[in-house]
Amino acid sequence: MENTLYFIFEVCPNPDFLHDRKGTLAVPKTFIQAKDLTEARSKFLSLRDNYAIGGGNTTLDCGKVYDNADNLIAHISYNGRVWDNSGLEIKVDR
């Protein structure tokens, strides 16, 4: 079995922008595969930029990274930083 990761990308309307696209935009929970944390971060940032979302559009699950055994291993924050389960930053190639 290939050592694959996946992360969650999910967007909700931002109540701070009720009269703007960000106030109505929603993307249902989507599972995105990546070969490693570097690729997961890159794909997350690409989705963030393609949808032109703000930090207030992300859900609590958005950016959670799991291994192929469904273990939570990291979290990608809105700004693209990657964190381990104890809240320490994981440096990834940029």
PDB file of N, CA and C in Angstrom:
ATOM      1  N   MET A   1       0.843  -1.190   0.000  1.00  0.00           N
ATOM      2  CA  MET A   1       0.000   0.000   0.000  1.00  0.00           C
ATOM      3  C   MET A   1       0.885   1.249   0.000  1.00  0.00           C
ATOM      4  N   GLU A   2       0.534   2.176  -0.847  1.00  0.00           N
ATOM      5  CA  GLU A   2       1.293   3.426  -0.947  1.00  0.00           C
ATOM      6  C   GLU A   2       1.072   4.273   0.302  1.00  0.00           C
ATOM      7  N   ASN A   3       2.106   4.945   0.744  1.00  0.00           N
ATOM      8  CA  ASN A   3       2.024   5.791   1.934  1.00  0.00           C
ATOM      9  C   ASN A   3       1.428   7.135   1.543  1.00  0.00           C
ATOM     10  N   THR A   4       0.110   7.226   1.570  1.00  0.00           N
ATOM     11  CA  THR A   4      -0.605   8.409   1.107  1.00  0.00           C
ATOM     12  C   THR A   4      -1.257   9.129   2.275  1.00  0.00           C
ATOM     13  N   LEU A   5      -1.292  10.432   2.179  1.00  0.00           N
ATOM     14  CA  LEU A   5      -1.998  11.252   3.152  1.00  0.00           C
ATOM     15  C   LEU A   5      -3.236  11.824   2.491  1.00  0.00           C
ATOM     16  N   TYR A   6      -4.138  12.335   3.302  1.00  0.00           N
ATOM     17  CA  TYR A   6      -5.226  13.127   2.760  1.00  0.00           C
ATOM     18  C   TYR A   6      -5.552  14.227   3.756  1.00  0.00           C
ATOM     19  N   PHE A   7      -6.093  15.316   3.238  1.00  0.00           N
ATOM     20  CA  PHE A   7      -6.516  16.399   4.114  1.00  0.00           C
ATOM     21  C   PHE A   7      -7.921  16.816   3.747  1.00  0.00           C
ATOM     22  N   ILE A   8      -8.549  17.480   4.683  1.00  0.00           N
ATOM     23  CA  ILE A   8      -9.916  17.938   4.487  1.00  0.00           C
ATOM     24  C   ILE A   8      -9.890  19.391   4.024  1.00  0.00           C
ATOM     25  N   PHE A   9     -10.679  19.679   3.000  1.00  0.00           N
ATOM     26  CA  PHE A   9     -10.906  21.057   2.583  1.00  0.00           C
ATOM     27  C   PHE A   9     -12.404  21.291   2.665  1.00  0.00           C
ATOM     28  N   GLU A  10     -12.799  22.261   3.479  1.00  0.00           N
ATOM     29  CA  GLU A  10     -14.211  22.565   3.690  1.00  0.00           C
ATOM     30  C   GLU A  10     -14.350  24.057   3.964  1.00  0.00           C
ATOM     31  N   VAL A  11     -15.319  24.670   3.310  1.00  0.00           N
ATOM     32  CA  VAL A  11     -15.505  26.117   3.402  1.00  0.00           C
ATOM     33  C   VAL A  11     -16.950  26.410   3.790  1.00  0.00           C
ATOM     34  N   CYS A  12     -17.121  27.386   4.670  1.00  0.00           N
ATOM     35  CA  CYS A  12     -18.457  27.819   5.072  1.00  0.00           C
ATOM     36  C   CYS A  12     -18.583  29.327   4.825  1.00  0.00           C
ATOM     37  N   PRO A  13     -19.813  29.830   4.742  1.00  0.00           N
ATOM     38  CA  PRO A  13     -19.997  31.274   4.582  1.00  0.00           C
ATOM     39  C   PRO A  13     -19.386  32.036   5.760  1.00  0.00           C
ATOM     40  N   ASN A  14     -18.779  33.176   5.478  1.00  0.00           N
ATOM     41  CA  ASN A  14     -18.180  34.009   6.510  1.00  0.00           C
ATOM     42  C   ASN A  14     -19.177  35.102   6.900  1.00  0.00           C
ATOM     43  N   PRO A  15     -19.685  35.081   8.131  1.00  0.00           N
ATOM     44  CA  PRO A  15     -20.694  36.075   8.531  1.00  0.00           C
ATOM     45  C   PRO A  15     -20.177  37.509   8.557  1.00  0.00           C
ATOM     46  N   ASP A  16     -18.876  37.693   8.535  1.00  0.00           N
ATOM     47  CA  ASP A  16     -18.314  39.048   8.505  1.00  0.00           C
ATOM     48  C   ASP A  16     -18.460  39.695   7.128  1.00  0.00           C
ATOM     49  N   PHE A  17     -18.800  38.899   6.109  1.00  0.00           N
ATOM     50  CA  PHE A  17     -18.915  39.398   4.737  1.00  0.00           C
ATOM     51  C   PHE A  17     -20.270  39.018   4.153  1.00  0.00           C
ATOM     52  N   LEU A  18     -21.351  39.335   4.856  1.00  0.00           N
ATOM     53  CA  LEU A  18     -22.687  38.912   4.432  1.00  0.00           C
ATOM     54  C   LEU A  18     -23.077  39.433   3.055  1.00  0.00           C
ATOM     55  N   HIS A  19     -22.558  40.581   2.643  1.00  0.00           N
ATOM     56  CA  HIS A  19     -22.930  41.173   1.353  1.00  0.00           C
ATOM     57  C   HIS A  19     -21.833  40.991   0.308  1.00  0.00           C
ATOM     58  N   ASP A  20     -21.026  39.973   0.497  1.00  0.00           N
ATOM     59  CA  ASP A  20     -19.874  39.706  -0.359  1.00  0.00           C
ATOM     60  C   ASP A  20     -19.905  38.221  -0.719  1.00  0.00           C
ATOM     61  N   ARG A  21     -19.162  37.847  -1.722  1.00  0.00           N
ATOM     62  CA  ARG A  21     -19.049  36.445  -2.122  1.00  0.00           C
ATOM     63  C   ARG A  21     -18.605  35.564  -0.961  1.00  0.00           C
ATOM     64  N   LYS A  22     -17.711  36.064  -0.105  1.00  0.00           N
ATOM     65  CA  LYS A  22     -17.225  35.277   1.030  1.00  0.00           C
ATOM     66  C   LYS A  22     -18.331  34.984   2.042  1.00  0.00           C
ATOM     67  N   GLY A  23     -19.389  35.787   2.015  1.00  0.00           N
ATOM     68  CA  GLY A  23     -20.500  35.589   2.935  1.00  0.00           C
ATOM     69  C   GLY A  23     -21.464  34.504   2.508  1.00  0.00           C
ATOM     70  N   THR A  24     -21.348  34.045   1.273  1.00  0.00           N
ATOM     71  CA  THR A  24     -22.263  33.008   0.778  1.00  0.00           C
ATOM     72  C   THR A  24     -21.542  31.752   0.311  1.00  0.00           C
ATOM     73  N   LEU A  25     -20.251  31.820   0.130  1.00  0.00           N
ATOM     74  CA  LEU A  25     -19.492  30.698  -0.419  1.00  0.00           C
ATOM     75  C   LEU A  25     -19.486  29.513   0.540  1.00  0.00           C
ATOM     76  N   ALA A  26     -19.735  28.339  -0.004  1.00  0.00           N
ATOM     77  CA  ALA A  26     -19.653  27.101   0.774  1.00  0.00           C
ATOM     78  C   ALA A  26     -19.093  26.000  -0.115  1.00  0.00           C
ATOM     79  N   VAL A  27     -18.171  25.227   0.433  1.00  0.00           N
ATOM     80  CA  VAL A  27     -17.623  24.061  -0.255  1.00  0.00           C
ATOM     81  C   VAL A  27     -17.790  22.892   0.704  1.00  0.00           C
ATOM     82  N   PRO A  28     -18.519  21.852   0.299  1.00  0.00           N
ATOM     83  CA  PRO A  28     -18.715  20.724   1.205  1.00  0.00           C
ATOM     84  C   PRO A  28     -17.396  20.023   1.522  1.00  0.00           C
ATOM     85  N   LYS A  29     -17.397  19.273   2.608  1.00  0.00           N
ATOM     86  CA  LYS A  29     -16.194  18.562   3.048  1.00  0.00           C
ATOM     87  C   LYS A  29     -15.676  17.698   1.905  1.00  0.00           C
ATOM     88  N   THR A  30     -14.431  17.948   1.526  1.00  0.00           N
ATOM     89  CA  THR A  30     -13.776  17.241   0.434  1.00  0.00           C
ATOM     90  C   THR A  30     -12.465  16.668   0.951  1.00  0.00           C
ATOM     91  N   PHE A  31     -12.154  15.449   0.547  1.00  0.00           N
ATOM     92  CA  PHE A  31     -10.925  14.785   0.977  1.00  0.00           C
ATOM     93  C   PHE A  31      -9.939  14.815  -0.184  1.00  0.00           C
ATOM     94  N   ILE A  32      -8.782  15.442   0.042  1.00  0.00           N
ATOM     95  CA  ILE A  32      -7.782  15.648  -1.001  1.00  0.00           C
ATOM     96  C   ILE A  32      -6.548  14.803  -0.685  1.00  0.00           C
ATOM     97  N   GLN A  33      -6.129  13.962  -1.622  1.00  0.00           N
ATOM     98  CA  GLN A  33      -4.947  13.125  -1.422  1.00  0.00           C
ATOM     99  C   GLN A  33      -3.667  13.900  -1.680  1.00  0.00           C
ATOM    100  N   ALA A  34      -2.626  13.497  -0.958  1.00  0.00           N
ATOM    101  CA  ALA A  34      -1.292  14.071  -1.152  1.00  0.00           C
ATOM    102  C   ALA A  34      -0.266  13.009  -0.784  1.00  0.00           C
ATOM    103  N   LYS A  35       0.900  13.081  -1.411  1.00  0.00           N
ATOM    104  CA  LYS A  35       1.931  12.069  -1.130  1.00  0.00           C
ATOM    105  C   LYS A  35       2.686  12.363   0.163  1.00  0.00           C
ATOM    106  N   ASP A  36       2.717  13.653   0.570  1.00  0.00           N
ATOM    107  CA  ASP A  36       3.428  14.043   1.788  1.00  0.00           C
ATOM    108  C   ASP A  36       2.910  15.405   2.256  1.00  0.00           C
ATOM    109  N   LEU A  37       3.439  15.897   3.364  1.00  0.00           N
ATOM    110  CA  LEU A  37       2.969  17.169   3.917  1.00  0.00           C
ATOM    111  C   LEU A  37       3.280  18.354   3.004  1.00  0.00           C
ATOM    112  N   THR A  38       4.364  18.288   2.278  1.00  0.00           N
ATOM    113  CA  THR A  38       4.703  19.368   1.350  1.00  0.00           C
ATOM    114  C   THR A  38       3.640  19.484   0.266  1.00  0.00           C
ATOM    115  N   GLU A  39       3.264  18.356  -0.311  1.00  0.00           N
ATOM    116  CA  GLU A  39       2.241  18.381  -1.351  1.00  0.00           C
ATOM    117  C   GLU A  39       0.883  18.761  -0.762  1.00  0.00           C
ATOM    118  N   ALA A  40       0.567  18.285   0.434  1.00  0.00           N
ATOM    119  CA  ALA A  40      -0.699  18.644   1.078  1.00  0.00           C
ATOM    120  C   ALA A  40      -0.769  20.154   1.291  1.00  0.00           C
ATOM    121  N   ARG A  41       0.303  20.739   1.782  1.00  0.00           N
ATOM    122  CA  ARG A  41       0.346  22.186   2.005  1.00  0.00           C
ATOM    123  C   ARG A  41       0.159  22.932   0.685  1.00  0.00           C
ATOM    124  N   SER A  42       0.853  22.502  -0.345  1.00  0.00           N
ATOM    125  CA  SER A  42       0.767  23.153  -1.654  1.00  0.00           C
ATOM    126  C   SER A  42      -0.664  23.081  -2.202  1.00  0.00           C
ATOM    127  N   LYS A  43      -1.277  21.917  -2.113  1.00  0.00           N
ATOM    128  CA  LYS A  43      -2.646  21.768  -2.605  1.00  0.00           C
ATOM    129  C   LYS A  43      -3.626  22.597  -1.775  1.00  0.00           C
ATOM    130  N   PHE A  44      -3.425  22.626  -0.454  1.00  0.00           N
ATOM    131  CA  PHE A  44      -4.293  23.427   0.411  1.00  0.00           C
ATOM    132  C   PHE A  44      -4.227  24.898   0.010  1.00  0.00           C
ATOM    133  N   LEU A  45      -3.011  25.419  -0.146  1.00  0.00           N
ATOM    134  CA  LEU A  45      -2.851  26.826  -0.517  1.00  0.00           C
ATOM    135  C   LEU A  45      -3.433  27.123  -1.895  1.00  0.00           C
ATOM    136  N   SER A  46      -3.300  26.195  -2.809  1.00  0.00           N
ATOM    137  CA  SER A  46      -3.867  26.371  -4.144  1.00  0.00           C
ATOM    138  C   SER A  46      -5.395  26.441  -4.071  1.00  0.00           C
ATOM    139  N   LEU A  47      -6.012  25.565  -3.303  1.00  0.00           N
ATOM    140  CA  LEU A  47      -7.462  25.600  -3.133  1.00  0.00           C
ATOM    141  C   LEU A  47      -7.898  26.893  -2.445  1.00  0.00           C
ATOM    142  N   ARG A  48      -7.177  27.281  -1.418  1.00  0.00           N
ATOM    143  CA  ARG A  48      -7.488  28.525  -0.703  1.00  0.00           C
ATOM    144  C   ARG A  48      -7.479  29.709  -1.669  1.00  0.00           C
ATOM    145  N   ASP A  49      -6.451  29.767  -2.484  1.00  0.00           N
ATOM    146  CA  ASP A  49      -6.314  30.885  -3.421  1.00  0.00           C
ATOM    147  C   ASP A  49      -7.323  30.801  -4.567  1.00  0.00           C
ATOM    148  N   ASN A  50      -7.567  29.594  -5.076  1.00  0.00           N
ATOM    149  CA  ASN A  50      -8.524  29.432  -6.174  1.00  0.00           C
ATOM    150  C   ASN A  50      -9.937  29.833  -5.754  1.00  0.00           C
ATOM    151  N   TYR A  51     -10.318  29.525  -4.530  1.00  0.00           N
ATOM    152  CA  TYR A  51     -11.635  29.905  -4.030  1.00  0.00           C
ATOM    153  C   TYR A  51     -11.654  31.321  -3.461  1.00  0.00           C
ATOM    154  N   ALA A  52     -10.488  31.936  -3.311  1.00  0.00           N
ATOM    155  CA  ALA A  52     -10.356  33.307  -2.789  1.00  0.00           C
ATOM    156  C   ALA A  52     -11.073  33.458  -1.450  1.00  0.00           C
ATOM    157  N   ILE A  53     -10.790  32.524  -0.544  1.00  0.00           N
ATOM    158  CA  ILE A  53     -11.441  32.559   0.760  1.00  0.00           C
ATOM    159  C   ILE A  53     -10.581  33.289   1.775  1.00  0.00           C
ATOM    160  N   GLY A  54     -11.210  33.683   2.841  1.00  0.00           N
ATOM    161  CA  GLY A  54     -10.518  34.263   3.975  1.00  0.00           C
ATOM    162  C   GLY A  54     -10.481  33.259   5.113  1.00  0.00           C
ATOM    163  N   GLY A  55      -9.766  33.580   6.162  1.00  0.00           N
ATOM    164  CA  GLY A  55      -9.655  32.689   7.306  1.00  0.00           C
ATOM    165  C   GLY A  55     -10.995  32.373   7.947  1.00  0.00           C
ATOM    166  N   GLY A  56     -11.929  33.304   7.879  1.00  0.00           N
ATOM    167  CA  GLY A  56     -13.246  33.099   8.458  1.00  0.00           C
ATOM    168  C   GLY A  56     -14.121  32.151   7.670  1.00  0.00           C
ATOM    169  N   ASN A  57     -13.676  31.732   6.491  1.00  0.00           N
ATOM    170  CA  ASN A  57     -14.430  30.771   5.687  1.00  0.00           C
ATOM    171  C   ASN A  57     -14.072  29.325   6.004  1.00  0.00           C
ATOM    172  N   THR A  58     -12.976  29.094   6.685  1.00  0.00           N
ATOM    173  CA  THR A  58     -12.565  27.718   6.948  1.00  0.00           C
ATOM    174  C   THR A  58     -13.324  27.159   8.150  1.00  0.00           C
ATOM    175  N   THR A  59     -13.569  25.855   8.104  1.00  0.00           N
ATOM    176  CA  THR A  59     -14.240  25.175   9.209  1.00  0.00           C
ATOM    177  C   THR A  59     -13.191  24.602  10.160  1.00  0.00           C
ATOM    178  N   LEU A  60     -13.645  24.050  11.271  1.00  0.00           N
ATOM    179  CA  LEU A  60     -12.712  23.444  12.231  1.00  0.00           C
ATOM    180  C   LEU A  60     -11.990  22.239  11.641  1.00  0.00           C
ATOM    181  N   ASP A  61     -12.636  21.530  10.718  1.00  0.00           N
ATOM    182  CA  ASP A  61     -11.998  20.363  10.096  1.00  0.00           C
ATOM    183  C   ASP A  61     -11.090  20.723   8.930  1.00  0.00           C
ATOM    184  N   CYS A  62     -11.273  21.878   8.359  1.00  0.00           N
ATOM    185  CA  CYS A  62     -10.508  22.275   7.188  1.00  0.00           C
ATOM    186  C   CYS A  62      -9.011  22.297   7.514  1.00  0.00           C
ATOM    187  N   GLY A  63      -8.234  21.552   6.729  1.00  0.00           N
ATOM    188  CA  GLY A  63      -6.791  21.510   6.920  1.00  0.00           C
ATOM    189  C   GLY A  63      -6.293  20.348   7.758  1.00  0.00           C
ATOM    190  N   LYS A  64      -7.197  19.559   8.345  1.00  0.00           N
ATOM    191  CA  LYS A  64      -6.750  18.395   9.118  1.00  0.00           C
ATOM    192  C   LYS A  64      -6.167  17.369   8.157  1.00  0.00           C
ATOM    193  N   VAL A  65      -4.996  16.836   8.529  1.00  0.00           N
ATOM    194  CA  VAL A  65      -4.279  15.887   7.676  1.00  0.00           C
ATOM    195  C   VAL A  65      -4.261  14.521   8.355  1.00  0.00           C
ATOM    196  N   TYR A  66      -4.594  13.495   7.580  1.00  0.00           N
ATOM    197  CA  TYR A  66      -4.661  12.121   8.080  1.00  0.00           C
ATOM    198  C   TYR A  66      -3.742  11.225   7.262  1.00  0.00           C
ATOM    199  N   ASP A  67      -3.250  10.158   7.911  1.00  0.00           N
ATOM    200  CA  ASP A  67      -2.464   9.169   7.168  1.00  0.00           C
ATOM    201  C   ASP A  67      -3.420   8.130   6.575  1.00  0.00           C
ATOM    202  N   ASN A  68      -2.857   7.123   5.892  1.00  0.00           N
ATOM    203  CA  ASN A  68      -3.708   6.144   5.217  1.00  0.00           C
ATOM    204  C   ASN A  68      -4.395   5.180   6.182  1.00  0.00           C
ATOM    205  N   ALA A  69      -4.092   5.268   7.478  1.00  0.00           N
ATOM    206  CA  ALA A  69      -4.793   4.488   8.502  1.00  0.00           C
ATOM    207  C   ALA A  69      -5.823   5.359   9.227  1.00  0.00           C
ATOM    208  N   ASP A  70      -6.102   6.543   8.679  1.00  0.00           N
ATOM    209  CA  ASP A  70      -7.075   7.496   9.230  1.00  0.00           C
ATOM    210  C   ASP A  70      -6.675   8.082  10.580  1.00  0.00           C
ATOM    211  N   ASN A  71      -5.378   8.142  10.845  1.00  0.00           N
ATOM    212  CA  ASN A  71      -4.872   8.793  12.051  1.00  0.00           C
ATOM    213  C   ASN A  71      -4.606  10.263  11.760  1.00  0.00           C
ATOM    214  N   LEU A  72      -5.108  11.142  12.610  1.00  0.00           N
ATOM    215  CA  LEU A  72      -4.828  12.570  12.475  1.00  0.00           C
ATOM    216  C   LEU A  72      -3.351  12.791  12.766  1.00  0.00           C
ATOM    217  N   ILE A  73      -2.621  13.355  11.798  1.00  0.00           N
ATOM    218  CA  ILE A  73      -1.176  13.530  11.991  1.00  0.00           C
ATOM    219  C   ILE A  73      -0.734  14.988  11.988  1.00  0.00           C
ATOM    220  N   ALA A  74      -1.573  15.880  11.454  1.00  0.00           N
ATOM    221  CA  ALA A  74      -1.155  17.286  11.354  1.00  0.00           C
ATOM    222  C   ALA A  74      -2.371  18.148  11.022  1.00  0.00           C
ATOM    223  N   HIS A  75      -2.129  19.455  11.037  1.00  0.00           N
ATOM    224  CA  HIS A  75      -3.163  20.415  10.651  1.00  0.00           C
ATOM    225  C   HIS A  75      -2.484  21.525   9.852  1.00  0.00           C
ATOM    226  N   ILE A  76      -3.090  21.895   8.738  1.00  0.00           N
ATOM    227  CA  ILE A  76      -2.598  23.017   7.938  1.00  0.00           C
ATOM    228  C   ILE A  76      -3.486  24.207   8.255  1.00  0.00           C
ATOM    229  N   SER A  77      -2.893  25.268   8.760  1.00  0.00           N
ATOM    230  CA  SER A  77      -3.684  26.449   9.082  1.00  0.00           C
ATOM    231  C   SER A  77      -3.884  27.312   7.836  1.00  0.00           C
ATOM    232  N   TYR A  78      -4.791  28.263   7.935  1.00  0.00           N
ATOM    233  CA  TYR A  78      -5.146  29.122   6.801  1.00  0.00           C
ATOM    234  C   TYR A  78      -3.917  29.730   6.130  1.00  0.00           C
ATOM    235  N   ASN A  79      -2.910  30.115   6.928  1.00  0.00           N
ATOM    236  CA  ASN A  79      -1.722  30.770   6.381  1.00  0.00           C
ATOM    237  C   ASN A  79      -0.708  29.786   5.793  1.00  0.00           C
ATOM    238  N   GLY A  80      -1.038  28.500   5.784  1.00  0.00           N
ATOM    239  CA  GLY A  80      -0.157  27.501   5.182  1.00  0.00           C
ATOM    240  C   GLY A  80       0.847  26.878   6.124  1.00  0.00           C
ATOM    241  N   ARG A  81       0.843  27.290   7.371  1.00  0.00           N
ATOM    242  CA  ARG A  81       1.756  26.659   8.325  1.00  0.00           C
ATOM    243  C   ARG A  81       1.194  25.298   8.718  1.00  0.00           C
ATOM    244  N   VAL A  82       2.087  24.341   8.969  1.00  0.00           N
ATOM    245  CA  VAL A  82       1.695  22.975   9.297  1.00  0.00           C
ATOM    246  C   VAL A  82       2.055  22.703  10.755  1.00  0.00           C
ATOM    247  N   TRP A  83       1.109  22.116  11.488  1.00  0.00           N
ATOM    248  CA  TRP A  83       1.243  21.906  12.929  1.00  0.00           C
ATOM    249  C   TRP A  83       1.062  20.433  13.270  1.00  0.00           C
ATOM    250  N   ASP A  84       1.842  19.948  14.254  1.00  0.00           N
ATOM    251  CA  ASP A  84       1.628  18.582  14.718  1.00  0.00           C
ATOM    252  C   ASP A  84       0.492  18.570  15.743  1.00  0.00           C
ATOM    253  N   ASN A  85       0.162  17.411  16.263  1.00  0.00           N
ATOM    254  CA  ASN A  85      -0.966  17.280  17.181  1.00  0.00           C
ATOM    255  C   ASN A  85      -0.746  17.940  18.538  1.00  0.00           C
ATOM    256  N   SER A  86       0.488  18.288  18.858  1.00  0.00           N
ATOM    257  CA  SER A  86       0.738  18.969  20.130  1.00  0.00           C
ATOM    258  C   SER A  86       0.881  20.492  19.941  1.00  0.00           C
ATOM    259  N   GLY A  87       0.641  20.963  18.721  1.00  0.00           N
ATOM    260  CA  GLY A  87       0.682  22.401  18.447  1.00  0.00           C
ATOM    261  C   GLY A  87       2.041  22.957  18.059  1.00  0.00           C
ATOM    262  N   LEU A  88       2.990  22.075  17.800  1.00  0.00           N
ATOM    263  CA  LEU A  88       4.325  22.519  17.349  1.00  0.00           C
ATOM    264  C   LEU A  88       4.357  22.579  15.828  1.00  0.00           C
ATOM    265  N   GLU A  89       4.995  23.606  15.310  1.00  0.00           N
ATOM    266  CA  GLU A  89       5.054  23.750  13.863  1.00  0.00           C
ATOM    267  C   GLU A  89       5.964  22.696  13.250  1.00  0.00           C
ATOM    268  N   ILE A  90       5.523  22.136  12.135  1.00  0.00           N
ATOM    269  CA  ILE A  90       6.316  21.212  11.346  1.00  0.00           C
ATOM    270  C   ILE A  90       6.827  21.989  10.144  1.00  0.00           C
ATOM    271  N   LYS A  91       8.108  22.084  10.000  1.00  0.00           N
ATOM    272  CA  LYS A  91       8.692  22.797   8.848  1.00  0.00           C
ATOM    273  C   LYS A  91       8.600  21.892   7.630  1.00  0.00           C
ATOM    274  N   VAL A  92       7.989  22.393   6.579  1.00  0.00           N
ATOM    275  CA  VAL A  92       7.896  21.647   5.319  1.00  0.00           C
ATOM    276  C   VAL A  92       8.516  22.491   4.220  1.00  0.00           C
ATOM    277  N   ASP A  93       8.952  21.799   3.168  1.00  0.00           N
ATOM    278  CA  ASP A  93       9.518  22.511   2.018  1.00  0.00           C
ATOM    279  C   ASP A  93       8.468  23.442   1.453  1.00  0.00           C
ATOM    280  N   ARG A  94       8.912  24.591   1.017  1.00  0.00           N
ATOM    281  CA  ARG A  94       7.950  25.566   0.480  1.00  0.00           C
ATOM    282  C   ARG A  94       8.154  25.716  -0.979  1.00  0.00           C
TER     283      ARG A  94
END
